[in-house]
C-alpha atoms as a PDB file:
ATOM      1  CA  MET A   1     -64.502 -21.151  45.811  1.00  0.00           C
ATOM      2  CA  SER A   2     -62.193 -20.503  42.865  1.00  0.00           C
ATOM      3  CA  LEU A   3     -58.480 -20.634  43.606  1.00  0.00           C
ATOM      4  CA  LEU A   4     -56.321 -18.356  41.470  1.00  0.00           C
ATOM      5  CA  LEU A   5     -52.591 -17.978  41.066  1.00  0.00           C
ATOM      6  CA  GLY A   6     -51.255 -15.719  43.803  1.00  0.00           C
ATOM      7  CA  ASP A   7     -54.027 -16.664  46.243  1.00  0.00           C
ATOM      8  CA  ILE A   8     -53.060 -17.921  49.679  1.00  0.00           C
ATOM      9  CA  ALA A   9     -53.555 -21.682  49.719  1.00  0.00           C
ATOM     10  CA  PRO A  10     -56.444 -22.417  52.073  1.00  0.00           C
ATOM     11  CA  ASP A  11     -55.366 -23.772  55.428  1.00  0.00           C
ATOM     12  CA  PHE A  12     -56.957 -26.889  56.917  1.00  0.00           C
ATOM     13  CA  GLU A  13     -56.466 -29.613  59.494  1.00  0.00           C
ATOM     14  CA  ALA A  14     -56.590 -33.256  58.464  1.00  0.00           C
ATOM     15  CA  ASP A  15     -55.510 -36.754  59.385  1.00  0.00           C
ATOM     16  CA  THR A  16     -52.708 -38.238  57.278  1.00  0.00           C
ATOM     17  CA  THR A  17     -50.611 -41.373  57.122  1.00  0.00           C
ATOM     18  CA  GLU A  18     -48.028 -39.445  59.187  1.00  0.00           C
ATOM     19  CA  GLY A  19     -50.446 -38.106  61.795  1.00  0.00           C
ATOM     20  CA  ARG A  20     -52.697 -35.079  62.017  1.00  0.00           C
ATOM     21  CA  ILE A  21     -51.436 -31.883  60.406  1.00  0.00           C
ATOM     22  CA  ARG A  22     -52.344 -28.244  60.023  1.00  0.00           C
ATOM     23  CA  PHE A  23     -51.448 -27.553  56.417  1.00  0.00           C
ATOM     24  CA  HIS A  24     -49.762 -24.153  56.765  1.00  0.00           C
ATOM     25  CA  ASP A  25     -47.671 -25.390  59.675  1.00  0.00           C
ATOM     26  CA  TRP A  26     -46.688 -28.474  57.674  1.00  0.00           C
ATOM     27  CA  ILE A  27     -45.593 -26.313  54.715  1.00  0.00           C
ATOM     28  CA  GLY A  28     -43.167 -24.397  56.918  1.00  0.00           C
ATOM     29  CA  ASP A  29     -40.498 -22.726  54.779  1.00  0.00           C
ATOM     30  CA  ASP A  30     -40.660 -25.201  51.901  1.00  0.00           C
ATOM     31  CA  TRP A  31     -42.149 -25.328  48.438  1.00  0.00           C
ATOM     32  CA  VAL A  32     -44.939 -27.880  48.234  1.00  0.00           C
ATOM     33  CA  VAL A  33     -46.385 -30.078  45.517  1.00  0.00           C
ATOM     34  CA  PHE A  34     -49.942 -30.779  46.719  1.00  0.00           C
ATOM     35  CA  PHE A  35     -51.772 -33.201  44.481  1.00  0.00           C
ATOM     36  CA  SER A  36     -54.857 -35.369  44.474  1.00  0.00           C
ATOM     37  CA  HIS A  37     -55.471 -38.841  43.177  1.00  0.00           C
ATOM     38  CA  PRO A  38     -58.897 -40.281  42.398  1.00  0.00           C
ATOM     39  CA  ALA A  39     -58.812 -43.326  44.672  1.00  0.00           C
ATOM     40  CA  ASP A  40     -56.595 -45.833  46.470  1.00  0.00           C
ATOM     41  CA  PHE A  41     -55.752 -49.193  44.908  1.00  0.00           C
ATOM     42  CA  THR A  42     -55.938 -47.819  41.374  1.00  0.00           C
ATOM     43  CA  PRO A  43     -53.275 -48.492  38.732  1.00  0.00           C
ATOM     44  CA  VAL A  44     -52.378 -45.021  37.451  1.00  0.00           C
ATOM     45  CA  CYS A  45     -52.186 -43.589  40.979  1.00  0.00           C
ATOM     46  CA  THR A  46     -49.946 -46.447  42.070  1.00  0.00           C
ATOM     47  CA  THR A  47     -47.399 -45.492  39.398  1.00  0.00           C
ATOM     48  CA  GLU A  48     -47.691 -41.771  40.192  1.00  0.00           C
ATOM     49  CA  LEU A  49     -47.100 -42.133  43.926  1.00  0.00           C
ATOM     50  CA  GLY A  50     -44.230 -44.533  43.312  1.00  0.00           C
ATOM     51  CA  TYR A  51     -42.540 -42.064  40.966  1.00  0.00           C
ATOM     52  CA  THR A  52     -43.113 -39.193  43.390  1.00  0.00           C
ATOM     53  CA  ALA A  53     -41.503 -41.215  46.186  1.00  0.00           C
ATOM     54  CA  ARG A  54     -38.408 -41.688  44.032  1.00  0.00           C
ATOM     55  CA  LEU A  55     -38.243 -37.913  43.471  1.00  0.00           C
ATOM     56  CA  LYS A  56     -37.697 -37.138  47.149  1.00  0.00           C
ATOM     57  CA  ASP A  57     -34.044 -36.134  46.765  1.00  0.00           C
ATOM     58  CA  LYS A  58     -34.744 -34.033  43.667  1.00  0.00           C
ATOM     59  CA  LEU A  59     -37.563 -32.265  45.466  1.00  0.00           C
ATOM     60  CA  ALA A  60     -35.386 -31.720  48.539  1.00  0.00           C
ATOM     61  CA  ALA A  61     -32.689 -30.152  46.354  1.00  0.00           C
ATOM     62  CA  ARG A  62     -35.327 -27.561  45.416  1.00  0.00           C
ATOM     63  CA  HIS A  63     -36.430 -27.099  49.062  1.00  0.00           C
ATOM     64  CA  ALA A  64     -39.684 -28.786  48.077  1.00  0.00           C
ATOM     65  CA  LYS A  65     -41.761 -31.699  49.340  1.00  0.00           C
ATOM     66  CA  ALA A  66     -44.865 -33.607  48.303  1.00  0.00           C
ATOM     67  CA  ILE A  67     -48.200 -34.229  49.967  1.00  0.00           C
ATOM     68  CA  VAL A  68     -51.088 -36.204  48.507  1.00  0.00           C
ATOM     69  CA  ILE A  69     -54.834 -36.412  49.083  1.00  0.00           C
ATOM     70  CA  SER A  70     -57.697 -38.685  48.151  1.00  0.00           C
ATOM     71  CA  VAL A  71     -61.190 -39.249  49.480  1.00  0.00           C
ATOM     72  CA  ASP A  72     -60.185 -42.522  51.136  1.00  0.00           C
ATOM     73  CA  THR A  73     -59.329 -43.181  54.802  1.00  0.00           C
ATOM     74  CA  VAL A  74     -55.957 -43.350  56.553  1.00  0.00           C
ATOM     75  CA  GLU A  75     -56.387 -47.104  56.994  1.00  0.00           C
ATOM     76  CA  GLN A  76     -56.952 -47.565  53.254  1.00  0.00           C
ATOM     77  CA  HIS A  77     -53.959 -45.328  52.472  1.00  0.00           C
ATOM     78  CA  LYS A  78     -51.655 -47.356  54.727  1.00  0.00           C
ATOM     79  CA  ALA A  79     -52.766 -50.635  53.195  1.00  0.00           C
ATOM     80  CA  TRP A  80     -52.249 -49.254  49.696  1.00  0.00           C
ATOM     81  CA  ILE A  81     -48.757 -47.963  50.514  1.00  0.00           C
ATOM     82  CA  SER A  82     -47.593 -51.568  50.863  1.00  0.00           C
ATOM     83  CA  ASP A  83     -48.724 -52.252  47.295  1.00  0.00           C
ATOM     84  CA  ILE A  84     -47.026 -49.089  46.006  1.00  0.00           C
ATOM     85  CA  GLU A  85     -43.725 -49.936  47.660  1.00  0.00           C
ATOM     86  CA  GLU A  86     -43.872 -53.560  46.480  1.00  0.00           C
ATOM     87  CA  THR A  87     -44.715 -52.820  42.846  1.00  0.00           C
ATOM     88  CA  GLN A  88     -42.816 -49.554  42.337  1.00  0.00           C
ATOM     89  CA  GLY A  89     -39.606 -50.296  44.228  1.00  0.00           C
ATOM     90  CA  CYS A  90     -39.766 -47.264  46.498  1.00  0.00           C
ATOM     91  CA  THR A  91     -40.398 -46.053  50.029  1.00  0.00           C
ATOM     92  CA  VAL A  92     -43.451 -43.810  50.385  1.00  0.00           C
ATOM     93  CA  ASP A  93     -42.326 -41.328  53.020  1.00  0.00           C
ATOM     94  CA  PHE A  94     -44.570 -38.376  52.324  1.00  0.00           C
ATOM     95  CA  PRO A  95     -48.011 -37.905  53.924  1.00  0.00           C
ATOM     96  CA  ILE A  96     -51.237 -38.963  52.259  1.00  0.00           C
ATOM     97  CA  ILE A  97     -54.227 -36.995  53.502  1.00  0.00           C
ATOM     98  CA  ALA A  98     -57.484 -38.775  54.360  1.00  0.00           C
ATOM     99  CA  ASP A  99     -60.521 -36.880  53.126  1.00  0.00           C
ATOM    100  CA  PRO A 100     -63.528 -39.235  53.228  1.00  0.00           C
ATOM    101  CA  GLU A 101     -65.954 -36.344  53.700  1.00  0.00           C
ATOM    102  CA  LYS A 102     -64.392 -34.522  50.703  1.00  0.00           C
ATOM    103  CA  GLN A 103     -63.963 -31.335  52.737  1.00  0.00           C
ATOM    104  CA  VAL A 104     -60.405 -30.559  51.618  1.00  0.00           C
ATOM    105  CA  ALA A 105     -61.050 -31.780  48.081  1.00  0.00           C
ATOM    106  CA  THR A 106     -63.996 -29.404  47.837  1.00  0.00           C
ATOM    107  CA  LEU A 107     -61.954 -26.556  49.337  1.00  0.00           C
ATOM    108  CA  TYR A 108     -59.350 -27.041  46.588  1.00  0.00           C
ATOM    109  CA  ASN A 109     -61.797 -27.598  43.699  1.00  0.00           C
ATOM    110  CA  MET A 110     -60.682 -31.189  43.259  1.00  0.00           C
ATOM    111  CA  ILE A 111     -64.188 -32.576  42.743  1.00  0.00           C
ATOM    112  CA  HIS A 112     -65.429 -32.055  39.176  1.00  0.00           C
ATOM    113  CA  PRO A 113     -68.961 -33.504  38.971  1.00  0.00           C
ATOM    114  CA  ASN A 114     -69.048 -33.576  35.185  1.00  0.00           C
ATOM    115  CA  ALA A 115     -65.911 -35.721  35.192  1.00  0.00           C
ATOM    116  CA  ASP A 116     -66.873 -37.951  38.130  1.00  0.00           C
ATOM    117  CA  PRO A 117     -68.794 -36.818  41.218  1.00  0.00           C
ATOM    118  CA  LYS A 118     -67.341 -39.603  43.396  1.00  0.00           C
ATOM    119  CA  VAL A 119     -63.612 -39.063  42.975  1.00  0.00           C
ATOM    120  CA  THR A 120     -61.101 -36.255  42.707  1.00  0.00           C
ATOM    121  CA  VAL A 121     -59.556 -35.244  39.419  1.00  0.00           C
ATOM    122  CA  ARG A 122     -55.755 -35.264  39.156  1.00  0.00           C
ATOM    123  CA  ALA A 123     -55.151 -31.759  40.491  1.00  0.00           C
ATOM    124  CA  VAL A 124     -51.674 -30.373  41.201  1.00  0.00           C
ATOM    125  CA  TYR A 125     -50.941 -27.215  43.172  1.00  0.00           C
ATOM    126  CA  VAL A 126     -47.442 -25.794  43.508  1.00  0.00           C
ATOM    127  CA  ILE A 127     -47.350 -23.687  46.669  1.00  0.00           C
ATOM    128  CA  ASP A 128     -44.442 -21.477  47.731  1.00  0.00           C
ATOM    129  CA  PRO A 129     -43.071 -20.874  51.271  1.00  0.00           C
ATOM    130  CA  ASN A 130     -45.294 -17.796  51.561  1.00  0.00           C
ATOM    131  CA  LYS A 131     -48.275 -20.181  51.229  1.00  0.00           C
ATOM    132  CA  LYS A 132     -49.184 -18.707  47.825  1.00  0.00           C
ATOM    133  CA  ILE A 133     -50.466 -20.831  44.967  1.00  0.00           C
ATOM    134  CA  ARG A 134     -47.911 -20.384  42.214  1.00  0.00           C
ATOM    135  CA  ALA A 135     -49.192 -22.915  39.674  1.00  0.00           C
ATOM    136  CA  SER A 136     -52.063 -25.330  39.203  1.00  0.00           C
ATOM    137  CA  ILE A 137     -52.612 -28.146  36.728  1.00  0.00           C
ATOM    138  CA  ILE A 138     -55.752 -30.252  36.286  1.00  0.00           C
ATOM    139  CA  TYR A 139     -55.733 -33.645  34.574  1.00  0.00           C
ATOM    140  CA  PRO A 140     -58.687 -36.006  34.073  1.00  0.00           C
ATOM    141  CA  PRO A 141     -58.671 -39.151  36.222  1.00  0.00           C
ATOM    142  CA  SER A 142     -57.650 -41.263  33.219  1.00  0.00           C
ATOM    143  CA  ALA A 143     -54.374 -39.442  32.440  1.00  0.00           C
ATOM    144  CA  GLY A 144     -51.245 -39.916  34.512  1.00  0.00           C
ATOM    145  CA  ARG A 145     -49.228 -36.799  35.236  1.00  0.00           C
ATOM    146  CA  ASN A 146     -45.697 -35.888  34.152  1.00  0.00           C
ATOM    147  CA  PHE A 147     -43.863 -35.177  37.390  1.00  0.00           C
ATOM    148  CA  ASP A 148     -40.669 -34.262  35.558  1.00  0.00           C
ATOM    149  CA  GLU A 149     -42.649 -31.310  34.201  1.00  0.00           C
ATOM    150  CA  ILE A 150     -43.584 -30.340  37.746  1.00  0.00           C
ATOM    151  CA  LEU A 151     -39.891 -30.277  38.694  1.00  0.00           C
ATOM    152  CA  ARG A 152     -39.192 -28.141  35.619  1.00  0.00           C
ATOM    153  CA  LEU A 153     -41.989 -25.794  36.658  1.00  0.00           C
ATOM    154  CA  ILE A 154     -40.523 -25.383  40.148  1.00  0.00           C
ATOM    155  CA  ASP A 155     -37.106 -24.667  38.598  1.00  0.00           C
ATOM    156  CA  SER A 156     -38.671 -21.948  36.446  1.00  0.00           C
ATOM    157  CA  LEU A 157     -40.592 -20.383  39.331  1.00  0.00           C
ATOM    158  CA  GLN A 158     -37.569 -20.277  41.595  1.00  0.00           C
ATOM    159  CA  LEU A 159     -35.340 -18.871  38.871  1.00  0.00           C
ATOM    160  CA  THR A 160     -37.759 -16.160  37.767  1.00  0.00           C
ATOM    161  CA  ASP A 161     -38.393 -15.153  41.383  1.00  0.00           C
ATOM    162  CA  GLY A 162     -34.726 -14.287  41.720  1.00  0.00           C
ATOM    163  CA  TYR A 163     -33.986 -12.667  38.354  1.00  0.00           C
ATOM    164  CA  LYS A 164     -35.822 -10.499  35.851  1.00  0.00           C
ATOM    165  CA  VAL A 165     -36.171 -13.304  33.338  1.00  0.00           C
ATOM    166  CA  ALA A 166     -38.781 -15.646  31.896  1.00  0.00           C
ATOM    167  CA  THR A 167     -38.262 -19.178  30.635  1.00  0.00           C
ATOM    168  CA  PRO A 168     -38.978 -19.980  26.958  1.00  0.00           C
ATOM    169  CA  VAL A 169     -40.841 -22.892  25.438  1.00  0.00           C
ATOM    170  CA  ASN A 170     -39.589 -26.313  26.556  1.00  0.00           C
ATOM    171  CA  TRP A 171     -36.904 -24.681  28.686  1.00  0.00           C
ATOM    172  CA  ALA A 172     -34.838 -26.964  30.904  1.00  0.00           C
ATOM    173  CA  ASP A 173     -32.546 -26.027  33.762  1.00  0.00           C
ATOM    174  CA  GLY A 174     -29.221 -24.759  32.397  1.00  0.00           C
ATOM    175  CA  GLU A 175     -30.554 -23.427  29.110  1.00  0.00           C
ATOM    176  CA  ASP A 176     -30.789 -19.798  27.990  1.00  0.00           C
ATOM    177  CA  VAL A 177     -33.617 -17.659  29.321  1.00  0.00           C
ATOM    178  CA  ILE A 178     -35.437 -14.524  28.179  1.00  0.00           C
ATOM    179  CA  ILE A 179     -34.945 -11.076  29.677  1.00  0.00           C
ATOM    180  CA  VAL A 180     -38.334  -9.629  30.573  1.00  0.00           C
ATOM    181  CA  PRO A 181     -39.415  -6.723  28.310  1.00  0.00           C
ATOM    182  CA  SER A 182     -39.696  -4.285  31.235  1.00  0.00           C
ATOM    183  CA  VAL A 183     -35.892  -4.316  31.625  1.00  0.00           C
ATOM    184  CA  SER A 184     -34.196  -1.654  29.495  1.00  0.00           C
ATOM    185  CA  ASN A 185     -31.051  -2.451  27.522  1.00  0.00           C
ATOM    186  CA  GLU A 186     -29.106  -0.182  29.862  1.00  0.00           C
ATOM    187  CA  ASP A 187     -30.293  -2.132  32.897  1.00  0.00           C
ATOM    188  CA  ALA A 188     -29.791  -5.439  31.100  1.00  0.00           C
ATOM    189  CA  ASP A 189     -26.123  -4.562  30.600  1.00  0.00           C
ATOM    190  CA  LYS A 190     -25.779  -4.296  34.381  1.00  0.00           C
ATOM    191  CA  LEU A 191     -28.033  -7.163  35.404  1.00  0.00           C
ATOM    192  CA  PHE A 192     -26.699  -9.785  32.989  1.00  0.00           C
ATOM    193  CA  PRO A 193     -22.907  -9.631  32.889  1.00  0.00           C
ATOM    194  CA  LYS A 194     -22.746 -12.766  30.736  1.00  0.00           C
ATOM    195  CA  GLY A 195     -24.254 -10.673  27.945  1.00  0.00           C
ATOM    196  CA  TYR A 196     -27.371 -11.202  25.902  1.00  0.00           C
ATOM    197  CA  THR A 197     -28.544 -11.666  22.335  1.00  0.00           C
ATOM    198  CA  THR A 198     -31.173  -9.358  20.859  1.00  0.00           C
ATOM    199  CA  VAL A 199     -33.338 -11.404  18.506  1.00  0.00           C
ATOM    200  CA  LYS A 200     -35.995  -8.672  18.427  1.00  0.00           C
ATOM    201  CA  PRO A 201     -36.261  -5.602  20.664  1.00  0.00           C
ATOM    202  CA  TYR A 202     -38.767  -7.523  22.777  1.00  0.00           C
ATOM    203  CA  LEU A 203     -36.928 -10.862  22.605  1.00  0.00           C
ATOM    204  CA  ARG A 204     -33.519 -10.941  24.290  1.00  0.00           C
ATOM    205  CA  THR A 205     -31.903 -14.154  25.425  1.00  0.00           C
ATOM    206  CA  THR A 206     -29.199 -14.591  28.017  1.00  0.00           C
ATOM    207  CA  PRO A 207     -27.444 -17.533  29.679  1.00  0.00           C
ATOM    208  CA  GLN A 208     -29.214 -18.711  32.796  1.00  0.00           C
ATOM    209  CA  PRO A 209     -27.982 -16.199  35.402  1.00  0.00           C
ATOM    210  CA  ASN A 210     -27.667 -18.547  38.372  1.00  0.00           C
ATOM    211  CA  LYS A 211     -25.406 -21.054  36.607  1.00  0.00           C
END
């Protein structure tokens, strides 16, 4: 099964470190960062989960939350959490899904046999409150992820959902954005009262409209 942007994220039931969940019910009205890690008690994953735990308030400010999966058991996850909290100076208070039979990992294309048939790659799915997949990123097991980029991505998605803009290269929250080409100059005058700069007819920049 190939998952594409705009698809409904597949629903599932699974055991987690916070009890059994049905995924769509757990999402509720929030944005979700759903990501996999290759295995418990591994060094790169330990740093990633520690950093994610410290992002809880920043995620909450975006009405977002994290959930993690690997092909290990709940018991292994709980034992590993102690190591994460000890070494990373955090409290892991998001669920980690147990998937020893690789059912959810397979459902979400997290097993890449040519990379390693025994573990999941470092997949990230950003899922909106409508349960739609809005972004996906795949890293090899050897490369740790940049979770600040994932926050930036959520900022961009939420901004562009509300306004007829796109975010330019390396954009960060608070910087100028681009008016989408489908908006006429006449409409742009009404939609963007802060004004805009025409660099080219197809490239018009404006201050971020929700600031």
